[in-house]
C-alpha atoms as a PDB file:
ATOM      1  CA  UNK A   1     121.452  12.118-120.756  1.00  0.00           C
ATOM      2  CA  UNK A   2     121.834  11.656-117.025  1.00  0.00           C
ATOM      3  CA  UNK A   3     122.153   8.063-115.800  1.00  0.00           C
ATOM      4  CA  UNK A   4     121.161   7.547-112.225  1.00  0.00           C
ATOM      5  CA  UNK A   5     121.007   4.129-110.536  1.00  0.00           C
ATOM      6  CA  UNK A   6     118.476   2.874-107.870  1.00  0.00           C
ATOM      7  CA  UNK A   7     121.473   1.993-105.626  1.00  0.00           C
ATOM      8  CA  UNK A   8     122.800   5.510-105.747  1.00  0.00           C
ATOM      9  CA  UNK A   9     119.327   6.927-104.844  1.00  0.00           C
ATOM     10  CA  UNK A  10     118.917   4.364-101.940  1.00  0.00           C
ATOM     11  CA  UNK A  11     122.344   5.240-100.637  1.00  0.00           C
ATOM     12  CA  UNK A  12     121.594   9.067-101.153  1.00  0.00           C
ATOM     13  CA  UNK A  13     118.195   8.683 -99.354  1.00  0.00           C
ATOM     14  CA  UNK A  14     120.031   6.856 -96.325  1.00  0.00           C
ATOM     15  CA  UNK A  15     122.646   9.574 -96.041  1.00  0.00           C
ATOM     16  CA  UNK A  16     120.026  12.381 -96.202  1.00  0.00           C
ATOM     17  CA  UNK A  17     117.955  10.562 -93.433  1.00  0.00           C
ATOM     18  CA  UNK A  18     120.824   9.798 -91.141  1.00  0.00           C
ATOM     19  CA  UNK A  19     123.008  12.939 -91.734  1.00  0.00           C
ATOM     20  CA  UNK A  20     126.067  10.800 -91.191  1.00  0.00           C
ATOM     21  CA  UNK A  21     128.248   8.776 -93.489  1.00  0.00           C
ATOM     22  CA  UNK A  22     128.859   5.897 -90.878  1.00  0.00           C
ATOM     23  CA  UNK A  23     125.225   5.512 -89.843  1.00  0.00           C
ATOM     24  CA  UNK A  24     124.040   5.648 -93.357  1.00  0.00           C
ATOM     25  CA  UNK A  25     126.642   3.076 -94.493  1.00  0.00           C
ATOM     26  CA  UNK A  26     125.571   0.712 -91.664  1.00  0.00           C
ATOM     27  CA  UNK A  27     121.884   1.097 -92.570  1.00  0.00           C
ATOM     28  CA  UNK A  28     122.792   0.169 -96.182  1.00  0.00           C
ATOM     29  CA  UNK A  29     125.198  -2.632 -95.073  1.00  0.00           C
ATOM     30  CA  UNK A  30     128.054  -1.399 -96.911  1.00  0.00           C
ATOM     31  CA  UNK A  31     131.518   0.272 -96.075  1.00  0.00           C
ATOM     32  CA  UNK A  32     131.587   3.927 -95.530  1.00  0.00           C
ATOM     33  CA  UNK A  33     134.121   4.328 -98.394  1.00  0.00           C
ATOM     34  CA  UNK A  34     131.787   2.514-100.676  1.00  0.00           C
ATOM     35  CA  UNK A  35     129.017   4.820 -99.720  1.00  0.00           C
ATOM     36  CA  UNK A  36     131.074   8.007-100.046  1.00  0.00           C
ATOM     37  CA  UNK A  37     132.152   6.891-103.509  1.00  0.00           C
ATOM     38  CA  UNK A  38     128.629   6.346-104.644  1.00  0.00           C
ATOM     39  CA  UNK A  39     127.598   9.715-103.333  1.00  0.00           C
ATOM     40  CA  UNK A  40     130.423  11.480-104.982  1.00  0.00           C
ATOM     41  CA  UNK A  41     129.742   9.713-108.400  1.00  0.00           C
ATOM     42  CA  UNK A  42     126.038  10.710-107.958  1.00  0.00           C
ATOM     43  CA  UNK A  43     127.135  14.409-107.407  1.00  0.00           C
ATOM     44  CA  UNK A  44     129.459  14.145-110.436  1.00  0.00           C
ATOM     45  CA  UNK A  45     126.605  12.742-112.609  1.00  0.00           C
ATOM     46  CA  UNK A  46     124.334  15.599-111.553  1.00  0.00           C
ATOM     47  CA  UNK A  47     127.028  18.217-111.808  1.00  0.00           C
ATOM     48  CA  UNK A  48     126.219  19.845-108.431  1.00  0.00           C
ATOM     49  CA  UNK A  49     126.757  19.288-104.650  1.00  0.00           C
ATOM     50  CA  UNK A  50     123.949  17.433-102.673  1.00  0.00           C
ATOM     51  CA  UNK A  51     125.448  17.632 -99.202  1.00  0.00           C
ATOM     52  CA  UNK A  52     127.358  20.144 -97.178  1.00  0.00           C
ATOM     53  CA  UNK A  53     130.240  18.053 -95.415  1.00  0.00           C
ATOM     54  CA  UNK A  54     131.102  18.950 -91.707  1.00  0.00           C
ATOM     55  CA  UNK A  55     133.336  17.137 -89.336  1.00  0.00           C
ATOM     56  CA  UNK A  56     130.771  15.102 -87.605  1.00  0.00           C
ATOM     57  CA  UNK A  57     127.623  15.365 -89.864  1.00  0.00           C
ATOM     58  CA  UNK A  58     126.416  16.214 -93.287  1.00  0.00           C
ATOM     59  CA  UNK A  59     123.418  18.207 -94.340  1.00  0.00           C
ATOM     60  CA  UNK A  60     121.580  18.653 -97.436  1.00  0.00           C
ATOM     61  CA  UNK A  61     122.165  21.573 -99.689  1.00  0.00           C
ATOM     62  CA  UNK A  62     119.193  23.534-101.140  1.00  0.00           C
ATOM     63  CA  UNK A  63     119.348  21.499-104.327  1.00  0.00           C
ATOM     64  CA  UNK A  64     119.736  18.340-102.143  1.00  0.00           C
ATOM     65  CA  UNK A  65     116.492  19.079-100.306  1.00  0.00           C
ATOM     66  CA  UNK A  66     114.663  19.367-103.544  1.00  0.00           C
ATOM     67  CA  UNK A  67     116.305  16.274-104.905  1.00  0.00           C
ATOM     68  CA  UNK A  68     115.533  14.279-101.789  1.00  0.00           C
ATOM     69  CA  UNK A  69     111.780  14.848-102.278  1.00  0.00           C
ATOM     70  CA  UNK A  70     111.919  13.471-105.682  1.00  0.00           C
ATOM     71  CA  UNK A  71     114.265  10.774-104.874  1.00  0.00           C
ATOM     72  CA  UNK A  72     111.957   9.529-102.010  1.00  0.00           C
ATOM     73  CA  UNK A  73     109.001   9.560-104.474  1.00  0.00           C
ATOM     74  CA  UNK A  74     110.972   7.484-106.956  1.00  0.00           C
ATOM     75  CA  UNK A  75     112.011   4.842-104.470  1.00  0.00           C
ATOM     76  CA  UNK A  76     108.553   4.702-103.038  1.00  0.00           C
ATOM     77  CA  UNK A  77     107.185   4.022-106.524  1.00  0.00           C
ATOM     78  CA  UNK A  78     109.851   1.328-107.124  1.00  0.00           C
ATOM     79  CA  UNK A  79     108.948  -0.378-103.866  1.00  0.00           C
ATOM     80  CA  UNK A  80     105.082  -0.187-104.942  1.00  0.00           C
ATOM     81  CA  UNK A  81     106.166  -1.925-108.140  1.00  0.00           C
ATOM     82  CA  UNK A  82     107.632  -4.661-106.213  1.00  0.00           C
ATOM     83  CA  UNK A  83     104.640  -4.904-103.861  1.00  0.00           C
ATOM     84  CA  UNK A  84     102.429  -5.028-106.980  1.00  0.00           C
ATOM     85  CA  UNK A  85     104.359  -8.164-108.053  1.00  0.00           C
ATOM     86  CA  UNK A  86     104.091  -9.667-104.635  1.00  0.00           C
ATOM     87  CA  UNK A  87     100.319  -8.922-104.483  1.00  0.00           C
ATOM     88  CA  UNK A  88      99.814 -10.843-107.677  1.00  0.00           C
ATOM     89  CA  UNK A  89     100.933 -14.152-105.986  1.00  0.00           C
ATOM     90  CA  UNK A  90      98.557 -16.478-104.151  1.00  0.00           C
ATOM     91  CA  UNK A  91     100.107 -15.878-100.793  1.00  0.00           C
ATOM     92  CA  UNK A  92     102.359 -13.239 -99.238  1.00  0.00           C
ATOM     93  CA  UNK A  93     106.081 -14.160 -99.181  1.00  0.00           C
ATOM     94  CA  UNK A  94     109.271 -12.223 -98.931  1.00  0.00           C
ATOM     95  CA  UNK A  95     109.947  -9.143 -96.799  1.00  0.00           C
ATOM     96  CA  UNK A  96     107.262  -7.740 -94.583  1.00  0.00           C
ATOM     97  CA  UNK A  97     108.355  -4.492 -92.761  1.00  0.00           C
ATOM     98  CA  UNK A  98     106.195  -4.069 -89.594  1.00  0.00           C
ATOM     99  CA  UNK A  99     106.382  -1.086 -87.176  1.00  0.00           C
ATOM    100  CA  UNK A 100     105.218  -1.494 -83.601  1.00  0.00           C
ATOM    101  CA  UNK A 101     104.956   1.120 -80.676  1.00  0.00           C
ATOM    102  CA  UNK A 102     107.038   0.331 -77.544  1.00  0.00           C
ATOM    103  CA  UNK A 103     103.960  -0.284 -75.344  1.00  0.00           C
ATOM    104  CA  UNK A 104     102.986  -3.111 -77.551  1.00  0.00           C
ATOM    105  CA  UNK A 105     106.075  -4.733 -78.974  1.00  0.00           C
ATOM    106  CA  UNK A 106     107.335  -6.780 -75.790  1.00  0.00           C
ATOM    107  CA  UNK A 107     104.055  -8.161 -74.960  1.00  0.00           C
ATOM    108  CA  UNK A 108     102.558  -9.109 -78.401  1.00  0.00           C
ATOM    109  CA  UNK A 109     105.390  -9.477 -80.911  1.00  0.00           C
ATOM    110  CA  UNK A 110     106.426 -13.141 -79.885  1.00  0.00           C
ATOM    111  CA  UNK A 111     102.949 -14.506 -80.539  1.00  0.00           C
ATOM    112  CA  UNK A 112     102.307 -12.356 -83.677  1.00  0.00           C
ATOM    113  CA  UNK A 113     105.632 -13.254 -85.493  1.00  0.00           C
ATOM    114  CA  UNK A 114     105.068 -16.973 -84.315  1.00  0.00           C
ATOM    115  CA  UNK A 115     101.615 -16.980 -85.953  1.00  0.00           C
ATOM    116  CA  UNK A 116     102.481 -14.958 -88.897  1.00  0.00           C
ATOM    117  CA  UNK A 117     105.488 -17.350 -89.858  1.00  0.00           C
ATOM    118  CA  UNK A 118     103.356 -20.319 -89.363  1.00  0.00           C
ATOM    119  CA  UNK A 119     100.384 -19.082 -91.449  1.00  0.00           C
ATOM    120  CA  UNK A 120     102.547 -17.475 -94.019  1.00  0.00           C
ATOM    121  CA  UNK A 121     105.548 -19.614 -94.692  1.00  0.00           C
ATOM    122  CA  UNK A 122     108.332 -17.783 -96.506  1.00  0.00           C
ATOM    123  CA  UNK A 123     107.614 -14.470 -94.797  1.00  0.00           C
ATOM    124  CA  UNK A 124     110.671 -12.568 -93.942  1.00  0.00           C
ATOM    125  CA  UNK A 125     109.467 -10.275 -91.161  1.00  0.00           C
ATOM    126  CA  UNK A 126     111.498  -6.967 -90.303  1.00  0.00           C
ATOM    127  CA  UNK A 127     110.397  -5.136 -87.088  1.00  0.00           C
ATOM    128  CA  UNK A 128     110.823  -1.569 -86.346  1.00  0.00           C
ATOM    129  CA  UNK A 129     109.970  -0.449 -82.865  1.00  0.00           C
ATOM    130  CA  UNK A 130     109.512   3.172 -82.182  1.00  0.00           C
ATOM    131  CA  UNK A 131     106.845   5.869 -81.373  1.00  0.00           C
ATOM    132  CA  UNK A 132     103.760   6.315 -83.486  1.00  0.00           C
ATOM    133  CA  UNK A 133     104.849   9.790 -85.047  1.00  0.00           C
ATOM    134  CA  UNK A 134     107.956   8.087 -86.468  1.00  0.00           C
ATOM    135  CA  UNK A 135     106.054   4.980 -87.630  1.00  0.00           C
ATOM    136  CA  UNK A 136     103.491   7.112 -89.462  1.00  0.00           C
ATOM    137  CA  UNK A 137     106.223   9.097 -91.018  1.00  0.00           C
ATOM    138  CA  UNK A 138     108.117   5.944 -92.337  1.00  0.00           C
ATOM    139  CA  UNK A 139     104.822   4.447 -93.595  1.00  0.00           C
ATOM    140  CA  UNK A 140     103.998   7.436 -95.517  1.00  0.00           C
ATOM    141  CA  UNK A 141     107.613   7.513 -96.988  1.00  0.00           C
ATOM    142  CA  UNK A 142     107.334   3.879 -97.927  1.00  0.00           C
ATOM    143  CA  UNK A 143     110.023   2.560 -95.462  1.00  0.00           C
ATOM    144  CA  UNK A 144     107.421   0.307 -93.745  1.00  0.00           C
ATOM    145  CA  UNK A 145     104.574  -1.808 -95.029  1.00  0.00           C
ATOM    146  CA  UNK A 146     102.294  -1.558 -92.006  1.00  0.00           C
ATOM    147  CA  UNK A 147     102.364  -0.663 -88.285  1.00  0.00           C
ATOM    148  CA  UNK A 148     100.550  -1.781 -85.045  1.00  0.00           C
ATOM    149  CA  UNK A 149      99.718   1.272 -83.047  1.00  0.00           C
ATOM    150  CA  UNK A 150      96.966   2.697 -80.869  1.00  0.00           C
ATOM    151  CA  UNK A 151      94.141   4.203 -82.955  1.00  0.00           C
ATOM    152  CA  UNK A 152      93.225   6.644 -84.278  1.00  0.00           C
ATOM    153  CA  UNK A 153      96.206   8.159 -85.997  1.00  0.00           C
ATOM    154  CA  UNK A 154      94.027  10.430 -88.191  1.00  0.00           C
ATOM    155  CA  UNK A 155      96.456  10.414 -91.115  1.00  0.00           C
ATOM    156  CA  UNK A 156      94.411  10.770 -94.292  1.00  0.00           C
ATOM    157  CA  UNK A 157      96.714   8.801 -96.574  1.00  0.00           C
ATOM    158  CA  UNK A 158      96.667   5.647 -94.157  1.00  0.00           C
ATOM    159  CA  UNK A 159      93.927   2.871 -93.769  1.00  0.00           C
ATOM    160  CA  UNK A 160      93.086   1.882 -90.218  1.00  0.00           C
ATOM    161  CA  UNK A 161      91.876  -1.376 -89.088  1.00  0.00           C
ATOM    162  CA  UNK A 162      90.856  -1.894 -85.443  1.00  0.00           C
ATOM    163  CA  UNK A 163      92.094  -5.165 -83.898  1.00  0.00           C
ATOM    164  CA  UNK A 164      90.929  -5.160 -80.295  1.00  0.00           C
ATOM    165  CA  UNK A 165      90.390  -2.890 -77.265  1.00  0.00           C
ATOM    166  CA  UNK A 166      92.136  -3.163 -73.873  1.00  0.00           C
ATOM    167  CA  UNK A 167      91.793  -1.524 -70.558  1.00  0.00           C
ATOM    168  CA  UNK A 168      94.517   0.295 -68.443  1.00  0.00           C
ATOM    169  CA  UNK A 169      95.169  -0.840 -64.875  1.00  0.00           C
ATOM    170  CA  UNK A 170      96.606   1.013 -61.889  1.00  0.00           C
ATOM    171  CA  UNK A 171      99.832  -0.078 -60.620  1.00  0.00           C
ATOM    172  CA  UNK A 172     100.402   0.744 -56.814  1.00  0.00           C
ATOM    173  CA  UNK A 173     103.019  -0.390 -54.160  1.00  0.00           C
ATOM    174  CA  UNK A 174     102.415  -3.777 -52.830  1.00  0.00           C
ATOM    175  CA  UNK A 175     101.331  -2.426 -49.431  1.00  0.00           C
ATOM    176  CA  UNK A 176      98.286  -0.638 -51.134  1.00  0.00           C
ATOM    177  CA  UNK A 177      96.673  -3.924 -52.052  1.00  0.00           C
ATOM    178  CA  UNK A 178      93.097  -3.999 -50.821  1.00  0.00           C
ATOM    179  CA  UNK A 179      92.815  -0.155 -50.523  1.00  0.00           C
ATOM    180  CA  UNK A 180      89.939   1.548 -52.461  1.00  0.00           C
ATOM    181  CA  UNK A 181      90.675   2.213 -56.019  1.00  0.00           C
ATOM    182  CA  UNK A 182      91.111   5.975 -56.682  1.00  0.00           C
ATOM    183  CA  UNK A 183      88.890   7.660 -59.212  1.00  0.00           C
ATOM    184  CA  UNK A 184      90.078  10.255 -61.627  1.00  0.00           C
ATOM    185  CA  UNK A 185      89.889  13.055 -59.139  1.00  0.00           C
ATOM    186  CA  UNK A 186      91.884  11.288 -56.552  1.00  0.00           C
ATOM    187  CA  UNK A 187      94.576  10.323 -59.307  1.00  0.00           C
ATOM    188  CA  UNK A 188      94.933  14.079 -59.975  1.00  0.00           C
ATOM    189  CA  UNK A 189      96.380  14.623 -56.587  1.00  0.00           C
ATOM    190  CA  UNK A 190      98.732  11.460 -56.500  1.00  0.00           C
ATOM    191  CA  UNK A 191     102.275  11.213 -57.611  1.00  0.00           C
ATOM    192  CA  UNK A 192     101.610   9.855 -61.175  1.00  0.00           C
ATOM    193  CA  UNK A 193     104.489   8.184 -63.115  1.00  0.00           C
ATOM    194  CA  UNK A 194     104.237   8.252 -66.810  1.00  0.00           C
ATOM    195  CA  UNK A 195     106.076   7.597 -69.942  1.00  0.00           C
ATOM    196  CA  UNK A 196     108.323  10.541 -71.417  1.00  0.00           C
ATOM    197  CA  UNK A 197     106.976  12.930 -73.866  1.00  0.00           C
ATOM    198  CA  UNK A 198     106.194  11.580 -77.450  1.00  0.00           C
ATOM    199  CA  UNK A 199     104.498   8.214 -76.190  1.00  0.00           C
ATOM    200  CA  UNK A 200     100.753   8.085 -77.040  1.00  0.00           C
ATOM    201  CA  UNK A 201     100.196   6.022 -74.017  1.00  0.00           C
ATOM    202  CA  UNK A 202     101.253   9.006 -71.857  1.00  0.00           C
ATOM    203  CA  UNK A 203      98.663  11.274 -73.616  1.00  0.00           C
ATOM    204  CA  UNK A 204      95.909   8.633 -73.064  1.00  0.00           C
ATOM    205  CA  UNK A 205      96.730   8.392 -69.331  1.00  0.00           C
ATOM    206  CA  UNK A 206      96.852  12.204 -69.050  1.00  0.00           C
ATOM    207  CA  UNK A 207      93.463  12.397 -70.874  1.00  0.00           C
ATOM    208  CA  UNK A 208      91.848   9.755 -68.432  1.00  0.00           C
ATOM    209  CA  UNK A 209      93.199  11.863 -65.415  1.00  0.00           C
ATOM    210  CA  UNK A 210      92.162  15.119 -66.941  1.00  0.00           C
ATOM    211  CA  UNK A 211      95.645  16.289 -66.373  1.00  0.00           C
ATOM    212  CA  UNK A 212      98.007  18.613 -68.401  1.00  0.00           C
ATOM    213  CA  UNK A 213     101.451  17.414 -69.142  1.00  0.00           C
ATOM    214  CA  UNK A 214     103.083  20.650 -67.760  1.00  0.00           C
ATOM    215  CA  UNK A 215     102.398  19.829 -64.067  1.00  0.00           C
ATOM    216  CA  UNK A 216     106.144  19.150 -63.117  1.00  0.00           C
ATOM    217  CA  UNK A 217     105.882  18.213 -59.371  1.00  0.00           C
ATOM    218  CA  UNK A 218     103.145  15.580 -59.560  1.00  0.00           C
ATOM    219  CA  UNK A 219     104.325  13.943 -62.736  1.00  0.00           C
ATOM    220  CA  UNK A 220     107.664  11.915 -63.118  1.00  0.00           C
ATOM    221  CA  UNK A 221     108.736  10.476 -66.395  1.00  0.00           C
ATOM    222  CA  UNK A 222     110.096   7.101 -67.328  1.00  0.00           C
ATOM    223  CA  UNK A 223     111.607   5.732 -70.581  1.00  0.00           C
ATOM    224  CA  UNK A 224     109.669   2.381 -70.480  1.00  0.00           C
ATOM    225  CA  UNK A 225     106.784   0.683 -68.849  1.00  0.00           C
ATOM    226  CA  UNK A 226     109.316  -1.393 -66.997  1.00  0.00           C
ATOM    227  CA  UNK A 227     111.028   1.578 -65.448  1.00  0.00           C
ATOM    228  CA  UNK A 228     107.562   2.943 -64.360  1.00  0.00           C
ATOM    229  CA  UNK A 229     106.704  -0.353 -62.550  1.00  0.00           C
ATOM    230  CA  UNK A 230     109.970  -0.632 -60.857  1.00  0.00           C
ATOM    231  CA  UNK A 231     109.591   3.032 -59.603  1.00  0.00           C
ATOM    232  CA  UNK A 232     106.284   2.104 -58.072  1.00  0.00           C
ATOM    233  CA  UNK A 233     107.881  -1.118 -56.522  1.00  0.00           C
ATOM    234  CA  UNK A 234     110.384   1.406 -54.821  1.00  0.00           C
ATOM    235  CA  UNK A 235     107.383   3.419 -53.444  1.00  0.00           C
ATOM    236  CA  UNK A 236     107.946   6.487 -55.558  1.00  0.00           C
ATOM    237  CA  UNK A 237     104.375   6.819 -56.837  1.00  0.00           C
ATOM    238  CA  UNK A 238     101.704   5.058 -58.935  1.00  0.00           C
ATOM    239  CA  UNK A 239     101.277   4.488 -62.749  1.00  0.00           C
ATOM    240  CA  UNK A 240      98.956   3.180 -65.341  1.00  0.00           C
ATOM    241  CA  UNK A 241      99.799   0.390 -67.643  1.00  0.00           C
ATOM    242  CA  UNK A 242      97.909  -1.345 -70.386  1.00  0.00           C
ATOM    243  CA  UNK A 243      96.555  -4.744 -69.371  1.00  0.00           C
ATOM    244  CA  UNK A 244      98.701  -6.793 -71.819  1.00  0.00           C
ATOM    245  CA  UNK A 245     101.883  -5.529 -69.978  1.00  0.00           C
ATOM    246  CA  UNK A 246     100.757  -6.899 -66.572  1.00  0.00           C
ATOM    247  CA  UNK A 247     102.034 -10.487 -66.733  1.00  0.00           C
ATOM    248  CA  UNK A 248     105.505  -9.473 -67.820  1.00  0.00           C
ATOM    249  CA  UNK A 249     105.975  -6.230 -65.897  1.00  0.00           C
ATOM    250  CA  UNK A 250     104.667  -7.261 -62.429  1.00  0.00           C
ATOM    251  CA  UNK A 251     105.916 -10.849 -62.149  1.00  0.00           C
ATOM    252  CA  UNK A 252     109.029  -9.856 -60.213  1.00  0.00           C
ATOM    253  CA  UNK A 253     107.989  -6.582 -58.669  1.00  0.00           C
ATOM    254  CA  UNK A 254     106.528  -5.758 -55.317  1.00  0.00           C
ATOM    255  CA  UNK A 255     103.397  -3.925 -56.674  1.00  0.00           C
ATOM    256  CA  UNK A 256      99.651  -4.406 -56.656  1.00  0.00           C
ATOM    257  CA  UNK A 257      97.165  -4.226 -59.534  1.00  0.00           C
ATOM    258  CA  UNK A 258      93.834  -2.473 -59.236  1.00  0.00           C
ATOM    259  CA  UNK A 259      91.152  -2.289 -62.007  1.00  0.00           C
ATOM    260  CA  UNK A 260      89.198   0.959 -62.200  1.00  0.00           C
ATOM    261  CA  UNK A 261      85.281   1.056 -62.085  1.00  0.00           C
ATOM    262  CA  UNK A 262      83.382   1.962 -65.188  1.00  0.00           C
ATOM    263  CA  UNK A 263      84.140   4.157 -67.299  1.00  0.00           C
ATOM    264  CA  UNK A 264      87.521   2.490 -67.481  1.00  0.00           C
ATOM    265  CA  UNK A 265      90.568   3.987 -69.398  1.00  0.00           C
ATOM    266  CA  UNK A 266      91.240   2.049 -72.500  1.00  0.00           C
ATOM    267  CA  UNK A 267      92.832   2.099 -75.932  1.00  0.00           C
ATOM    268  CA  UNK A 268      92.062   0.619 -79.389  1.00  0.00           C
ATOM    269  CA  UNK A 269      94.943  -1.227 -80.979  1.00  0.00           C
ATOM    270  CA  UNK A 270      94.916  -1.501 -84.750  1.00  0.00           C
ATOM    271  CA  UNK A 271      97.044  -1.846 -87.992  1.00  0.00           C
ATOM    272  CA  UNK A 272      97.817   0.924 -90.379  1.00  0.00           C
ATOM    273  CA  UNK A 273      99.093   1.065 -93.877  1.00  0.00           C
ATOM    274  CA  UNK A 274      99.124   3.188 -96.932  1.00  0.00           C
ATOM    275  CA  UNK A 275      95.803   3.431 -98.859  1.00  0.00           C
ATOM    276  CA  UNK A 276      97.757   3.182-101.989  1.00  0.00           C
ATOM    277  CA  UNK A 277      99.696  -0.020-100.994  1.00  0.00           C
ATOM    278  CA  UNK A 278      99.216  -2.861-103.632  1.00  0.00           C
ATOM    279  CA  UNK A 279      99.369  -5.115-100.566  1.00  0.00           C
ATOM    280  CA  UNK A 280      96.223  -3.814 -99.058  1.00  0.00           C
ATOM    281  CA  UNK A 281      94.492  -7.161 -99.635  1.00  0.00           C
ATOM    282  CA  UNK A 282      97.286  -9.257 -98.067  1.00  0.00           C
ATOM    283  CA  UNK A 283      97.690  -6.774 -95.124  1.00  0.00           C
ATOM    284  CA  UNK A 284      94.029  -7.153 -94.358  1.00  0.00           C
ATOM    285  CA  UNK A 285      94.663 -11.035 -94.123  1.00  0.00           C
ATOM    286  CA  UNK A 286      97.744 -10.206 -92.045  1.00  0.00           C
ATOM    287  CA  UNK A 287      95.557  -8.207 -89.704  1.00  0.00           C
ATOM    288  CA  UNK A 288      93.401 -11.224 -89.089  1.00  0.00           C
ATOM    289  CA  UNK A 289      96.393 -13.343 -88.027  1.00  0.00           C
ATOM    290  CA  UNK A 290      97.663 -10.498 -85.824  1.00  0.00           C
ATOM    291  CA  UNK A 291      94.153 -10.086 -84.180  1.00  0.00           C
ATOM    292  CA  UNK A 292      94.077 -13.824 -83.552  1.00  0.00           C
ATOM    293  CA  UNK A 293      97.656 -13.941 -82.072  1.00  0.00           C
ATOM    294  CA  UNK A 294      97.100 -10.901 -79.736  1.00  0.00           C
ATOM    295  CA  UNK A 295      93.812 -12.621 -78.495  1.00  0.00           C
ATOM    296  CA  UNK A 296      95.681 -15.722 -77.589  1.00  0.00           C
ATOM    297  CA  UNK A 297      98.568 -13.707 -75.974  1.00  0.00           C
ATOM    298  CA  UNK A 298      96.311 -11.676 -73.863  1.00  0.00           C
ATOM    299  CA  UNK A 299      94.162 -14.754 -72.699  1.00  0.00           C
ATOM    300  CA  UNK A 300      97.309 -16.536 -71.930  1.00  0.00           C
END
């Protein structure tokens, strides 16, 4: 009989995900030698090799790839058993793993975390900030409990709950204040600054302007909304940002804000979680707190 431990499976999954002993050890909060020993013991127990070792990275063997699929399913089931126990309590306590996209995190997280910890005392919130595609993947794999993103994500295994809708605004150099607000056709011929590939906000802005992302001369990419606003302040071009970002991003920049005429570009912000999550009822309650916190933050 083969005796595997959950600890070994978690260490294996971390190494399979990171492809590097050092990063996997950091993620597991153990030393690299300890991780290496656990992986070696796991391979000895199984009687086969799980990883191909190279100087700077490791990759799964063909057996390792099959094993990884089953290991992740097992770990997800164990996590759901823990969630089932938590769901049986009167109130949600313990770890809550929340994912947030970068065009929301800096502007709403302080209010959201403050309200959540006040309403749900004993909640240990872990935040993961990254792009939507990664958040969806980590949710499906059971590495997150929920995520705050722009809807829809159209993933059939996830539930979506809308929280609020917000408009986009145009950010122009300070000297452009008072000029007529360009329409979609005018924007197509301006030097438009956008977030780099992979951000859903980039796709939403391109959709409003009826542009393709392959027009290199007119489009310049930035890594964050802060970078885009500073580029506008320097006179490089114009950009669109969500309304929630205006107070923070424009307070120390020489830019002007213009609001479009209807139909205005907008996005719907919501929460998503696995349909199979035992915490679905509690996450619905969490969504109410997040909606209230976001409303206060945007009005303030």
